[in-house]
Amino acid sequence: MELANTAIETVVDRISEETHPLSKKAKYIGSAMVFFAIMMALLVWVLMLLG
């Protein structure tokens, strides 16, 4: 997911350096993908340790 987030940020930065609400939203969504991937990994580890 970190690679996907980096790809999103790179494309957004490539299109324009100026701040735009949709660019900001795309970057936040990319960050959310990384966050949820980490949470899922932690959940799997916890389930493995408890099981």
Protein backbone atom coordinates (compact mmCIF):
# COMPACT_ATOMS: atom_id res chain seq x y z
CA MET A 1 0.00 0.00 0.00
CA GLU A 2 2.89 2.33 0.63
CA LEU A 3 3.91 1.93 -3.01
CA ALA A 4 0.37 2.81 -4.13
CA ASN A 5 0.38 5.85 -1.85
CA THR A 6 3.73 6.97 -3.25
CA ALA A 7 2.41 6.52 -6.79
CA ILE A 8 -0.66 8.66 -6.04
CA GLU A 9 1.44 11.40 -4.47
CA THR A 10 3.91 11.36 -7.36
CA VAL A 11 1.18 11.67 -9.97
CA VAL A 12 -0.55 14.47 -8.07
CA ASP A 13 2.74 16.35 -7.68
CA ARG A 14 3.58 15.78 -11.35
CA ILE A 15 0.30 17.29 -12.52
CA SER A 16 0.65 20.49 -10.51
CA GLU A 17 2.61 21.86 -7.58
CA GLU A 18 -0.16 24.26 -6.57
CA THR A 19 -2.54 23.23 -3.81
CA HIS A 20 -5.93 21.99 -4.98
CA PRO A 21 -8.71 20.45 -2.85
CA LEU A 22 -8.89 17.32 -5.03
CA SER A 23 -5.12 16.84 -4.87
CA LYS A 24 -5.27 17.08 -1.10
CA LYS A 25 -8.15 14.59 -1.03
CA ALA A 26 -6.25 12.10 -3.21
CA LYS A 27 -3.24 12.28 -0.89
CA TYR A 28 -5.44 11.75 2.17
CA ILE A 29 -7.06 8.72 0.55
CA GLY A 30 -3.61 7.29 -0.20
CA SER A 31 -2.61 7.79 3.41
CA ALA A 32 -5.83 6.12 4.55
CA MET A 33 -5.00 3.08 2.39
CA VAL A 34 -1.67 2.73 4.17
CA PHE A 35 -3.30 3.17 7.59
CA PHE A 36 -5.93 0.49 6.93
CA ALA A 37 -3.31 -1.90 5.56
CA ILE A 38 -1.30 -1.48 8.78
CA MET A 39 -4.43 -2.01 10.89
CA MET A 40 -5.27 -5.19 8.96
CA ALA A 41 -1.71 -6.49 9.42
CA LEU A 42 -1.93 -5.81 13.16
CA LEU A 43 -5.30 -7.56 13.34
CA VAL A 44 -3.88 -10.63 11.61
CA TRP A 45 -0.92 -10.70 14.02
CA VAL A 46 -3.20 -10.41 17.05
CA LEU A 47 -5.48 -13.16 15.75
CA MET A 48 -2.47 -15.39 15.11
CA LEU A 49 -1.09 -14.78 18.60
CA LEU A 50 -4.45 -15.47 20.26
CA GLY A 51 -5.29 -18.48 18.09
